[in-house]
Amino acid sequence: MSERKPIESWLSDMDGVLVHEGQPVPGADEFIRRLKESGKRFLVLTNNSIYTPRDLSVRLRAAGLEVPPEAIWTSALATAKFLADQRPEGSAYVIGEAGLTTALHEAGYVLTDLDPDYVVLGETRTYSFTSITRAIRLIDNGARFIATNPDPIGPSTEGSLPACGAVAAMITKATGVEPYFVGKPNPMMMRSALNQIDAHSETTAMIGDRMDTDVVCGIEAGLHTILVLTGVTQKDQIDRYPFRPTQVVNSVADLIELV
């Protein structure tokens, strides 16, 4: 195998890498500070489509991390970029929150339930049976089915919540139509992030805490992949997968000297 080139750009997952249960991972603040001082291009990635980058920047600041909105890339932004490339100035019926509707509006999309080009499913804390029924009927009538991410559950203080992947499965069961998922582990998410900061896969690292999304997505996009052990995947679980990250470190604090 050829030796990899030096890392010039960084992509990092958010939950489990920089923050954990609303608290900053030790060393994350210094890692972000070092990235900004280095001048290297970087993006913080998340499959969460509920919030806009500005919203997430404020939430990260409350956790002690200064990440500007322009350095945040969500599955909502990736979805909007994908749809704008596929069908410019199209129309969509959207189930989701401001993060998704804002991204689609800014991409030139019209949001409507009158014969839309797409049904776009994202995350929301208040999935409505009425809106899901409307989505099913629109898909039955020929609308194309897009979902921001395949995550089946999301966290809350009370326990797990059904998320985009679970609701997508219900719509698929009712229509027989599978959605196209844009977010991780689809490497489309990584490719759109690379394009956003004009980075090249050969010189970009992806930091994640999950083998089944962050790492496999990074591998398929041709990136240098780094697994941190501060989130979902634990060290004794790595060998269960048929692929391996380029590096395994205890936390993002171990990467500060690499920036």
Protein backbone atom coordinates (compact mmCIF):
# COMPACT_ATOMS: atom_id res chain seq x y z
CA MET A 1 0.00 0.00 0.00
CA SER A 2 1.19 3.51 -0.78
CA GLU A 3 1.91 5.81 2.12
CA ARG A 4 -0.82 8.34 2.82
CA LYS A 5 -0.18 12.03 2.28
CA PRO A 6 -0.06 14.49 5.23
CA ILE A 7 -3.45 15.53 6.61
CA GLU A 8 -4.40 18.98 5.35
CA SER A 9 -8.15 18.95 6.10
CA TRP A 10 -10.25 17.51 8.91
CA LEU A 11 -13.80 16.22 9.16
CA SER A 12 -15.14 15.34 12.59
CA ASP A 13 -18.35 13.83 13.86
CA MET A 14 -19.94 15.86 16.66
CA ASP A 15 -21.70 13.60 19.20
CA GLY A 16 -19.32 11.14 20.81
CA VAL A 17 -16.25 12.92 19.44
CA LEU A 18 -16.49 16.56 20.53
CA VAL A 19 -19.43 16.36 22.95
CA HIS A 20 -20.96 13.54 24.95
CA GLU A 21 -24.41 13.89 26.53
CA GLY A 22 -24.20 17.66 26.23
CA GLN A 23 -20.75 17.94 27.81
CA PRO A 24 -17.48 18.62 25.96
CA VAL A 25 -15.11 15.69 25.58
CA PRO A 26 -11.87 16.56 27.43
CA GLY A 27 -9.45 18.09 24.95
CA ALA A 28 -12.13 18.95 22.37
CA ASP A 29 -11.87 22.69 23.04
CA GLU A 30 -8.10 22.63 22.55
CA PHE A 31 -8.47 20.51 19.38
CA ILE A 32 -10.93 22.99 17.84
CA ARG A 33 -8.73 25.92 18.88
CA ARG A 34 -5.69 24.28 17.28
CA LEU A 35 -7.61 23.65 14.06
CA LYS A 36 -8.66 27.29 13.82
CA GLU A 37 -5.16 28.55 14.57
CA SER A 38 -3.59 26.20 12.01
CA GLY A 39 -5.67 27.60 9.18
CA LYS A 40 -6.47 24.07 8.03
CA ARG A 41 -9.91 23.50 6.58
CA PHE A 42 -12.31 21.57 8.77
CA LEU A 43 -15.97 20.72 9.18
CA VAL A 44 -17.96 19.27 12.06
CA LEU A 45 -20.44 16.74 10.68
CA THR A 46 -23.74 15.54 12.09
CA ASN A 47 -26.59 13.36 10.83
CA ASN A 48 -28.96 15.46 12.92
CA SER A 49 -31.14 17.50 10.55
CA ILE A 50 -33.20 19.27 13.21
CA TYR A 51 -30.93 22.28 13.71
CA THR A 52 -29.38 24.85 11.40
CA PRO A 53 -25.61 25.34 11.59
CA ARG A 54 -26.23 28.59 13.50
CA ASP A 55 -28.37 26.70 16.04
CA LEU A 56 -25.70 24.04 16.47
CA SER A 57 -22.95 26.63 16.83
CA VAL A 58 -24.85 28.17 19.75
CA ARG A 59 -25.44 24.75 21.33
CA LEU A 60 -21.74 23.90 21.02
CA ARG A 61 -20.79 27.27 22.53
CA ALA A 62 -22.99 26.43 25.52
CA ALA A 63 -20.89 23.27 25.90
CA GLY A 64 -17.68 25.33 25.79
CA LEU A 65 -16.76 24.75 22.13
CA GLU A 66 -16.36 27.65 19.71
CA VAL A 67 -17.30 26.27 16.30
CA PRO A 68 -18.50 28.85 13.74
CA PRO A 69 -21.68 28.01 11.76
CA GLU A 70 -19.74 27.83 8.49
CA ALA A 71 -17.68 24.96 9.96
CA ILE A 72 -20.75 22.77 10.56
CA TRP A 73 -22.15 20.40 7.92
CA THR A 74 -25.44 18.61 8.58
CA SER A 75 -27.34 15.87 6.78
CA ALA A 76 -29.94 18.56 6.01
CA LEU A 77 -27.34 20.65 4.14
CA ALA A 78 -26.06 17.57 2.31
CA THR A 79 -29.62 16.62 1.36
CA ALA A 80 -30.39 20.12 0.07
CA LYS A 81 -27.16 20.15 -1.95
CA PHE A 82 -27.94 16.73 -3.41
CA LEU A 83 -31.48 17.72 -4.45
CA ALA A 84 -30.33 21.05 -5.90
CA ASP A 85 -27.81 19.15 -8.05
CA GLN A 86 -30.32 16.48 -9.08
CA ARG A 87 -33.32 18.69 -9.81
CA PRO A 88 -32.55 22.42 -9.54
CA GLU A 89 -35.39 24.62 -8.20
CA GLY A 90 -37.57 21.61 -7.56
CA SER A 91 -40.31 21.08 -5.00
CA ALA A 92 -40.60 18.94 -1.90
CA TYR A 93 -43.00 17.90 0.79
CA VAL A 94 -40.92 18.00 3.97
CA ILE A 95 -41.29 16.29 7.31
CA GLY A 96 -38.69 17.90 9.52
CA GLU A 97 -37.55 20.93 11.47
CA ALA A 98 -35.94 24.27 10.69
CA GLY A 99 -32.56 22.73 9.91
CA LEU A 100 -34.04 20.92 6.90
CA THR A 101 -36.62 23.44 5.72
CA THR A 102 -34.10 26.30 5.90
CA ALA A 103 -31.50 24.32 3.93
CA LEU A 104 -34.01 23.46 1.20
CA HIS A 105 -35.32 27.04 0.97
CA GLU A 106 -31.75 28.33 0.63
CA ALA A 107 -31.11 25.76 -2.11
CA GLY A 108 -33.99 27.23 -4.12
CA TYR A 109 -36.63 24.61 -3.32
CA VAL A 110 -40.35 25.22 -3.01
CA LEU A 111 -41.95 23.40 -0.06
CA THR A 112 -45.40 22.17 -0.95
CA ASP A 113 -47.82 19.25 -0.61
CA LEU A 114 -49.20 19.82 -4.12
CA ASP A 115 -47.62 17.28 -6.49
CA PRO A 116 -44.03 17.72 -5.19
CA ASP A 117 -40.99 16.26 -6.93
CA TYR A 118 -39.82 14.73 -3.64
CA VAL A 119 -40.98 13.68 -0.23
CA VAL A 120 -38.08 14.56 2.09
CA LEU A 121 -38.04 12.97 5.53
CA GLY A 122 -35.83 14.37 8.27
CA GLU A 123 -35.66 14.42 12.05
CA THR A 124 -38.33 15.94 14.28
CA ARG A 125 -39.28 15.47 17.90
CA THR A 126 -42.97 15.61 16.92
CA TYR A 127 -43.62 13.18 14.06
CA SER A 128 -47.25 13.62 13.01
CA PHE A 129 -49.44 10.73 11.86
CA THR A 130 -51.20 13.20 9.58
CA SER A 131 -47.98 14.31 7.89
CA ILE A 132 -46.73 10.73 7.56
CA THR A 133 -50.04 9.74 5.95
CA ARG A 134 -49.71 12.66 3.52
CA ALA A 135 -46.16 11.57 2.67
CA ILE A 136 -47.35 8.01 1.97
CA ARG A 137 -50.06 9.24 -0.41
CA LEU A 138 -47.69 11.57 -2.24
CA ILE A 139 -45.17 8.74 -2.72
CA ASP A 140 -48.00 6.49 -3.94
CA ASN A 141 -48.76 9.24 -6.48
CA GLY A 142 -45.18 9.28 -7.78
CA ALA A 143 -43.14 11.58 -5.53
CA ARG A 144 -39.55 10.41 -5.08
CA PHE A 145 -38.60 9.43 -1.51
CA ILE A 146 -35.51 10.99 0.13
CA ALA A 147 -34.45 10.74 3.79
CA THR A 148 -31.74 12.72 5.51
CA ASN A 149 -30.27 9.79 7.46
CA PRO A 150 -30.94 6.15 8.37
CA ASP A 151 -30.54 6.48 12.16
CA PRO A 152 -33.39 4.43 13.69
CA ILE A 153 -33.35 6.03 17.14
CA GLY A 154 -32.23 9.26 18.75
CA PRO A 155 -31.37 10.09 22.36
CA SER A 156 -33.47 12.01 24.86
CA THR A 157 -33.41 12.50 28.60
CA GLU A 158 -36.29 10.02 28.91
CA GLY A 159 -34.70 7.37 26.69
CA SER A 160 -34.65 6.48 23.00
CA LEU A 161 -36.89 8.25 20.49
CA PRO A 162 -37.89 6.95 17.04
CA ALA A 163 -35.77 8.77 14.50
CA CYS A 164 -35.63 9.22 10.74
CA GLY A 165 -34.70 5.63 9.86
CA ALA A 166 -37.56 4.16 11.90
CA VAL A 167 -40.17 6.47 10.37
CA ALA A 168 -38.71 5.85 6.90
CA ALA A 169 -39.19 2.11 7.48
CA MET A 170 -42.85 2.70 8.29
CA ILE A 171 -43.36 4.72 5.10
CA THR A 172 -41.53 2.06 3.08
CA LYS A 173 -43.74 -0.65 4.58
CA ALA A 174 -46.82 1.30 3.53
CA THR A 175 -45.64 2.24 0.03
CA GLY A 176 -43.13 -0.42 -1.00
CA VAL A 177 -40.73 2.43 -1.86
CA GLU A 178 -37.27 2.58 -0.29
CA PRO A 179 -35.85 6.06 0.39
CA TYR A 180 -32.48 7.29 -0.73
CA PHE A 181 -30.58 8.14 2.46
CA VAL A 182 -28.13 11.04 2.01
CA GLY A 183 -26.49 11.11 5.46
CA LYS A 184 -23.89 8.77 6.96
CA PRO A 185 -23.02 6.01 6.20
CA ASN A 186 -23.63 7.12 2.62
CA PRO A 187 -20.25 8.44 1.39
CA MET A 188 -22.29 11.13 -0.37
CA MET A 189 -22.25 12.94 2.98
CA MET A 190 -18.45 12.91 3.02
CA ARG A 191 -18.15 13.90 -0.63
CA SER A 192 -20.44 16.88 -0.15
CA ALA A 193 -18.44 17.93 2.92
CA LEU A 194 -15.16 17.67 0.98
CA ASN A 195 -16.62 19.79 -1.82
CA GLN A 196 -17.86 22.36 0.69
CA ILE A 197 -14.33 23.10 1.90
CA ASP A 198 -12.59 22.29 -1.39
CA ALA A 199 -10.66 19.43 0.20
CA HIS A 200 -9.22 16.27 -1.33
CA SER A 201 -9.90 12.78 0.01
CA GLU A 202 -6.22 11.80 -0.07
CA THR A 203 -5.31 14.55 2.39
CA THR A 204 -8.41 14.56 4.62
CA ALA A 205 -9.04 12.75 7.91
CA MET A 206 -12.43 11.73 9.27
CA ILE A 207 -12.81 11.41 13.05
CA GLY A 208 -15.74 9.39 14.35
CA ASP A 209 -16.96 7.31 17.26
CA ARG A 210 -18.94 4.71 15.29
CA MET A 211 -17.56 1.96 13.10
CA ASP A 212 -20.89 1.42 11.32
CA THR A 213 -21.35 5.03 10.20
CA ASP A 214 -18.35 7.36 10.57
CA VAL A 215 -15.58 4.89 9.82
CA VAL A 216 -17.20 2.92 7.00
CA CYS A 217 -18.38 6.17 5.43
CA GLY A 218 -14.88 7.61 5.61
CA ILE A 219 -13.33 4.47 4.17
CA GLU A 220 -15.76 4.44 1.23
CA ALA A 221 -14.96 8.10 0.55
CA GLY A 222 -11.23 7.33 0.54
CA LEU A 223 -10.35 9.25 3.71
CA HIS A 224 -7.87 8.70 6.52
CA THR A 225 -10.20 7.36 9.24
CA ILE A 226 -9.73 7.81 12.98
CA LEU A 227 -11.90 6.07 15.56
CA VAL A 228 -12.14 7.67 19.00
CA LEU A 229 -13.28 5.58 21.98
CA THR A 230 -15.39 8.28 23.66
CA GLY A 231 -18.66 7.35 21.99
CA VAL A 232 -20.55 4.32 20.70
CA THR A 233 -17.92 1.83 19.47
CA GLN A 234 -15.68 0.36 22.16
CA LYS A 235 -12.22 -1.14 21.61
CA ASP A 236 -13.34 -4.76 21.99
CA GLN A 237 -15.95 -4.28 19.26
CA ILE A 238 -13.60 -3.16 16.48
CA ASP A 239 -12.61 -6.65 15.37
CA ARG A 240 -16.24 -7.59 14.78
CA TYR A 241 -16.24 -5.46 11.63
CA PRO A 242 -14.77 -6.55 8.26
CA PHE A 243 -13.04 -3.17 7.90
CA ARG A 244 -10.68 -1.21 10.12
CA PRO A 245 -10.01 2.47 10.74
CA THR A 246 -6.62 3.90 9.84
CA GLN A 247 -6.08 4.83 13.50
CA VAL A 248 -7.70 4.18 16.87
CA VAL A 249 -7.17 6.71 19.68
CA ASN A 250 -8.67 7.13 23.13
CA SER A 251 -10.08 10.58 22.41
CA VAL A 252 -9.79 13.67 20.26
CA ALA A 253 -7.25 14.99 22.80
CA ASP A 254 -4.75 12.51 21.34
CA LEU A 255 -5.02 14.24 17.94
CA ILE A 256 -4.09 17.77 19.00
CA GLU A 257 -0.43 17.29 18.13
CA LEU A 258 -1.33 16.02 14.64
CA VAL A 259 -2.98 19.30 13.62
